[in-house]
């Protein structure tokens, strides 16, 4: 049973980001873990669903969503939109 119309053949396929675009539209840093945070408030990567651990490499996109570097870089190779808010890296403000 179909839940909606099939995707249009004219809908554009996702386009991946280049390494240059990934570096321009994001910041990479080491995660700083805050102790004694309630379980429901812990920060986690929404791609792999694992909690961030102290000193892990994370990447913050220009929309301020944060992911493990390996998770988001793998995603961005195929699709240059944030997996959470769907902002296109090409149309976003560059972080300062």
Foldseek 3Di string as FASTA:
>chain_A
DDPDDDDDPPDDFAAADDPVLQPQFKDKDFDADDPPDPPVPFDAAPQVRDGHDGRFIWIQGLVRDIHRPVRVNVVRNRHQADPPPRDHSVPGDGDD
